Amino acid sequence: MTPMPVLPTTLERGSGATAVFLLHGVGGGKQVWHENLDAIAAAGYRAIAWDMPGYGESATLEPYTVRSLADVLRSLIDHVGADRSLVLGHSMGGMVAQELVALAPARVHGLILSGTSPAFGRPDGNWQRQFLQERFAPLDAGQTMAQLAAQLVPTMMAPDADPQALQRARDVMAAVPQASYRAALQAIVAFNRMPELTRIAVPALCLAGEHDRNASPAVMRRMADAIPGAHYLCLGAVGHLANMERPAHFNAAVLQFLQAHFPA
């Protein structure tokens, strides 16, 4: 018998019959959702942000794959036991969300995909290898995660991003264990759930950022077009970290979707 995955650490706000699970990206952690959790909870939903395995105080996994992460998410959803479970995934978190919908569609009643993609790069493998080499090169040369964050985070935000939001994002990424960062990147380069988009049968929202260079508005629009009945929205004046850059606008878009399809 396969042992049940160890449940991850979480931040939780609110109560109610509908739980919204918030999944961060490669350079994140549950604390990236601080300004979103309260807004979702105040609207009558139960908001739960996890530390992905290997992040924060959550135990890591072996093997570390998008599928194994989705298995942990499934266990968390079962443990919470809400009447309805929605998954809000940002970047890599959106990939984990798509993986769970493909593997266990009955567990997910609604889906919000923010700054993510249904597949990673071109399928020939060369692009993926070059991507990993470029991302790992600073660490291989002896840089710390804090130094890497100082370089990468500004490129993920809009040109006029709020300095405090920028610093918070740097601090979060700086705290990511290097081993987990490497494992997460290696996991996502193999991700491809593009063929399953047309089989997603729950209400879905695809949120893009105007200045997102990691998951462009064009990518997000194509995702929305492929998912039956999905909604697409591009948030202005934000990059890849929309929920941290302009939380009020991000929260408004999320709540409009939730209240339209899953009134509290």
Protein backbone atom coordinates (compact mmCIF):
# COMPACT_ATOMS: atom_id res chain seq x y z
CA MET A 1 0.00 0.00 0.00
CA THR A 2 1.31 3.46 -0.93
CA PRO A 3 1.73 5.62 2.19
CA MET A 4 -0.34 8.78 2.42
CA PRO A 5 1.75 11.89 1.68
CA VAL A 6 2.62 14.04 4.69
CA LEU A 7 0.34 17.06 4.74
CA PRO A 8 2.01 20.43 4.01
CA THR A 9 2.03 23.41 6.33
CA THR A 10 -0.63 26.01 5.57
CA LEU A 11 -1.99 29.45 6.36
CA GLU A 12 -5.76 29.47 6.74
CA ARG A 13 -8.35 32.21 7.02
CA GLY A 14 -12.12 32.17 7.16
CA SER A 15 -14.72 29.44 7.12
CA GLY A 16 -17.61 28.28 5.01
CA ALA A 17 -18.60 25.46 2.73
CA THR A 18 -16.27 26.50 -0.09
CA ALA A 19 -12.50 26.18 0.34
CA VAL A 20 -10.07 28.01 -1.93
CA PHE A 21 -6.59 26.45 -2.04
CA LEU A 22 -3.84 28.91 -3.00
CA LEU A 23 -0.70 27.45 -4.57
CA HIS A 24 2.47 29.51 -4.99
CA GLY A 25 5.20 29.34 -7.63
CA VAL A 26 8.83 28.21 -7.70
CA GLY A 27 10.15 31.30 -5.92
CA GLY A 28 7.29 31.56 -3.47
CA GLY A 29 5.81 30.29 -0.25
CA LYS A 30 2.51 30.52 1.55
CA GLN A 31 3.33 34.05 2.71
CA VAL A 32 2.98 35.45 -0.84
CA TRP A 33 -0.79 35.20 -0.30
CA HIS A 34 -0.98 37.36 2.85
CA GLU A 35 -2.86 40.17 1.08
CA ASN A 36 -5.20 37.76 -0.68
CA LEU A 37 -6.19 35.37 2.12
CA ASP A 38 -8.05 37.95 4.18
CA ALA A 39 -9.97 39.31 1.19
CA ILE A 40 -11.14 35.84 0.18
CA ALA A 41 -12.06 34.97 3.77
CA ALA A 42 -13.93 38.25 4.26
CA ALA A 43 -16.15 37.34 1.32
CA GLY A 44 -17.28 34.17 3.09
CA TYR A 45 -14.84 31.58 1.80
CA ARG A 46 -12.30 29.38 3.53
CA ALA A 47 -8.89 30.38 2.17
CA ILE A 48 -5.96 27.96 2.54
CA ALA A 49 -2.44 28.72 1.28
CA TRP A 50 0.11 25.93 1.37
CA ASP A 51 3.84 25.74 1.55
CA MET A 52 4.53 23.42 -1.36
CA PRO A 53 6.50 20.32 -0.26
CA GLY A 54 10.11 21.35 0.34
CA TYR A 55 9.12 24.95 1.09
CA GLY A 56 8.69 26.58 4.49
CA GLU A 57 8.12 23.86 7.06
CA SER A 58 6.60 21.38 4.60
CA ALA A 59 8.47 18.09 4.21
CA THR A 60 10.00 17.50 0.81
CA LEU A 61 9.20 14.63 -1.56
CA GLU A 62 11.08 11.93 -3.39
CA PRO A 63 10.66 11.78 -6.31
CA TYR A 64 9.89 15.47 -6.68
CA THR A 65 7.49 15.68 -9.62
CA VAL A 66 4.41 17.66 -10.53
CA ARG A 67 2.44 14.45 -10.14
CA SER A 68 3.71 13.77 -6.62
CA LEU A 69 2.92 17.37 -5.68
CA ALA A 70 -0.61 16.91 -7.02
CA ASP A 71 -0.95 13.81 -4.85
CA VAL A 72 -0.08 15.88 -1.78
CA LEU A 73 -2.63 18.51 -2.83
CA ARG A 74 -5.27 15.81 -3.21
CA SER A 75 -4.52 14.60 0.32
CA LEU A 76 -4.78 18.15 1.65
CA ILE A 77 -8.15 18.67 -0.06
CA ASP A 78 -9.42 15.38 1.37
CA HIS A 79 -8.15 16.34 4.82
CA VAL A 80 -9.92 19.71 4.73
CA GLY A 81 -13.14 18.02 3.59
CA ALA A 82 -14.95 21.11 2.32
CA ASP A 83 -18.21 20.79 0.43
CA ARG A 84 -16.61 22.51 -2.57
CA SER A 85 -12.89 22.88 -3.32
CA LEU A 86 -11.47 25.46 -5.70
CA VAL A 87 -7.79 25.65 -6.60
CA LEU A 88 -6.05 28.95 -7.34
CA GLY A 89 -2.62 28.21 -8.75
CA HIS A 90 0.04 30.74 -9.66
CA SER A 91 2.89 29.82 -12.03
CA MET A 92 4.12 26.37 -10.94
CA GLY A 93 1.13 26.24 -8.62
CA GLY A 94 -1.06 26.49 -11.70
CA MET A 95 0.72 23.47 -13.15
CA VAL A 96 0.06 21.48 -9.98
CA ALA A 97 -3.58 22.55 -10.21
CA GLN A 98 -3.84 21.36 -13.81
CA GLU A 99 -2.19 18.08 -12.86
CA LEU A 100 -4.72 17.45 -10.10
CA VAL A 101 -7.66 18.23 -12.40
CA ALA A 102 -6.28 15.73 -14.91
CA LEU A 103 -5.63 13.01 -12.30
CA ALA A 104 -8.59 13.51 -9.97
CA PRO A 105 -11.19 15.78 -11.57
CA ALA A 106 -13.80 15.03 -8.91
CA ARG A 107 -11.65 16.76 -6.27
CA VAL A 108 -11.77 20.17 -7.99
CA HIS A 109 -14.97 22.17 -8.39
CA GLY A 110 -13.40 25.32 -9.79
CA LEU A 111 -10.07 26.48 -11.14
CA ILE A 112 -8.23 29.82 -11.21
CA LEU A 113 -4.98 29.83 -13.18
CA SER A 114 -2.71 32.85 -12.74
CA GLY A 115 0.43 33.45 -14.78
CA THR A 116 0.94 29.82 -15.68
CA SER A 117 1.16 27.53 -18.70
CA PRO A 118 -0.21 24.14 -19.82
CA ALA A 119 3.27 23.01 -20.91
CA PHE A 120 6.85 24.08 -20.36
CA GLY A 121 8.77 25.24 -23.40
CA ARG A 122 9.33 23.30 -26.58
CA PRO A 123 9.11 19.50 -26.37
CA ASP A 124 12.54 18.69 -27.88
CA GLY A 125 14.34 18.85 -24.53
CA ASN A 126 17.12 21.19 -25.65
CA TRP A 127 15.25 24.29 -24.56
CA GLN A 128 14.57 22.75 -21.15
CA ARG A 129 18.22 21.84 -20.64
CA GLN A 130 19.34 25.34 -21.55
CA PHE A 131 16.74 26.85 -19.22
CA LEU A 132 17.96 24.77 -16.28
CA GLN A 133 21.59 25.55 -17.03
CA GLU A 134 20.85 29.28 -17.08
CA ARG A 135 18.80 29.20 -13.88
CA PHE A 136 21.30 27.04 -12.01
CA ALA A 137 24.44 28.81 -13.23
CA PRO A 138 24.44 31.57 -10.55
CA LEU A 139 23.93 28.99 -7.79
CA ASP A 140 26.58 26.71 -9.27
CA ALA A 141 28.93 29.71 -9.20
CA GLY A 142 28.34 30.15 -5.48
CA GLN A 143 25.56 32.73 -5.31
CA THR A 144 23.00 32.51 -2.53
CA MET A 145 19.25 32.39 -3.04
CA ALA A 146 19.11 35.97 -1.76
CA GLN A 147 21.53 37.09 -4.48
CA LEU A 148 19.57 35.17 -7.10
CA ALA A 149 16.31 36.71 -5.89
CA ALA A 150 17.79 40.20 -6.14
CA GLN A 151 18.51 39.53 -9.82
CA LEU A 152 15.37 37.64 -10.84
CA VAL A 153 12.48 39.19 -8.94
CA PRO A 154 12.68 42.66 -10.58
CA THR A 155 12.42 40.98 -14.00
CA MET A 156 9.17 39.31 -12.92
CA MET A 157 7.37 42.52 -11.99
CA ALA A 158 6.03 45.48 -13.91
CA PRO A 159 8.52 48.30 -14.55
CA ASP A 160 6.86 50.58 -11.97
CA ALA A 161 6.21 47.90 -9.33
CA ASP A 162 5.70 49.04 -5.76
CA PRO A 163 9.10 48.93 -3.97
CA GLN A 164 7.59 47.30 -0.88
CA ALA A 165 5.99 44.54 -2.95
CA LEU A 166 9.29 44.05 -4.74
CA GLN A 167 11.14 43.68 -1.45
CA ARG A 168 8.57 41.24 -0.07
CA ALA A 169 8.90 39.07 -3.16
CA ARG A 170 12.70 39.15 -2.86
CA ASP A 171 12.51 38.15 0.79
CA VAL A 172 10.20 35.23 0.04
CA MET A 173 12.41 33.88 -2.73
CA ALA A 174 15.54 34.36 -0.65
CA ALA A 175 14.06 32.00 1.97
CA VAL A 176 13.46 29.15 -0.49
CA PRO A 177 15.88 26.27 0.16
CA GLN A 178 18.24 25.94 -2.77
CA ALA A 179 17.60 22.19 -3.02
CA SER A 180 13.85 22.78 -3.27
CA TYR A 181 14.31 25.50 -5.87
CA ARG A 182 16.39 23.17 -8.01
CA ALA A 183 13.95 20.27 -7.56
CA ALA A 184 10.95 22.44 -8.46
CA LEU A 185 12.56 23.72 -11.66
CA GLN A 186 13.52 20.19 -12.68
CA ALA A 187 9.93 19.09 -12.08
CA ILE A 188 8.25 21.74 -14.21
CA VAL A 189 10.43 21.34 -17.31
CA ALA A 190 8.76 17.96 -17.86
CA PHE A 191 5.24 19.32 -17.43
CA ASN A 192 2.72 19.06 -20.27
CA ARG A 193 -1.03 18.94 -19.71
CA MET A 194 -1.95 20.80 -22.88
CA PRO A 195 -3.97 17.88 -24.33
CA GLU A 196 -6.13 17.79 -21.18
CA LEU A 197 -7.25 21.42 -21.34
CA THR A 198 -10.26 20.56 -23.46
CA ARG A 199 -11.39 18.02 -20.84
CA ILE A 200 -11.53 20.48 -17.94
CA ALA A 201 -15.20 20.50 -16.99
CA VAL A 202 -15.37 22.99 -14.11
CA PRO A 203 -15.69 26.79 -14.09
CA ALA A 204 -12.26 28.26 -14.83
CA LEU A 205 -10.64 31.68 -14.83
CA CYS A 206 -7.33 32.41 -16.58
CA LEU A 207 -5.65 35.53 -15.17
CA ALA A 208 -2.83 37.19 -17.09
CA GLY A 209 -0.55 40.09 -16.22
CA GLU A 210 0.00 42.82 -18.80
CA HIS A 211 3.80 42.76 -18.34
CA ASP A 212 4.23 39.06 -17.55
CA ARG A 213 7.24 37.71 -19.44
CA ASN A 214 7.06 34.25 -17.84
CA ALA A 215 3.48 33.45 -18.85
CA SER A 216 2.43 36.04 -21.37
CA PRO A 217 -1.14 37.25 -21.89
CA ALA A 218 -1.11 35.44 -25.24
CA VAL A 219 -0.34 32.13 -23.51
CA MET A 220 -3.06 32.68 -20.94
CA ARG A 221 -5.60 33.63 -23.58
CA ARG A 222 -4.85 30.46 -25.54
CA MET A 223 -5.35 28.46 -22.36
CA ALA A 224 -8.71 30.10 -21.77
CA ASP A 225 -9.73 29.44 -25.37
CA ALA A 226 -8.89 25.74 -24.97
CA ILE A 227 -10.77 25.23 -21.68
CA PRO A 228 -14.53 24.91 -22.33
CA GLY A 229 -16.34 27.98 -21.00
CA ALA A 230 -13.27 29.48 -19.32
CA HIS A 231 -13.05 33.19 -18.59
CA TYR A 232 -9.96 35.23 -19.51
CA LEU A 233 -8.85 38.47 -17.88
CA CYS A 234 -5.65 40.46 -18.27
CA LEU A 235 -4.75 42.64 -15.29
CA GLY A 236 -3.09 45.90 -16.24
CA ALA A 237 0.15 47.30 -14.82
CA VAL A 238 1.36 44.00 -13.34
CA GLY A 239 3.93 41.39 -14.27
CA HIS A 240 4.25 37.77 -13.20
CA LEU A 241 3.49 38.38 -9.51
CA ALA A 242 0.08 40.01 -9.91
CA ASN A 243 -1.30 38.95 -6.52
CA MET A 244 1.59 40.75 -4.77
CA GLU A 245 1.96 43.70 -7.16
CA ARG A 246 -1.66 44.90 -7.15
CA PRO A 247 -3.47 42.75 -4.60
CA ALA A 248 -6.68 44.79 -4.62
CA HIS A 249 -7.13 44.32 -8.37
CA PHE A 250 -6.17 40.66 -8.18
CA ASN A 251 -8.60 40.06 -5.31
CA ALA A 252 -11.42 41.82 -7.14
CA ALA A 253 -10.98 39.56 -10.17
CA VAL A 254 -10.85 36.42 -8.03
CA LEU A 255 -13.88 37.37 -5.96
CA GLN A 256 -15.95 38.31 -8.99
CA PHE A 257 -15.34 34.83 -10.37
CA LEU A 258 -16.01 33.11 -7.06
CA GLN A 259 -19.22 35.01 -6.37
CA ALA A 260 -20.51 34.39 -9.90
CA HIS A 261 -19.98 30.63 -9.79
CA PHE A 262 -19.75 29.70 -6.09
CA PRO A 263 -21.72 32.20 -4.00
CA ALA A 264 -20.72 31.93 -0.34
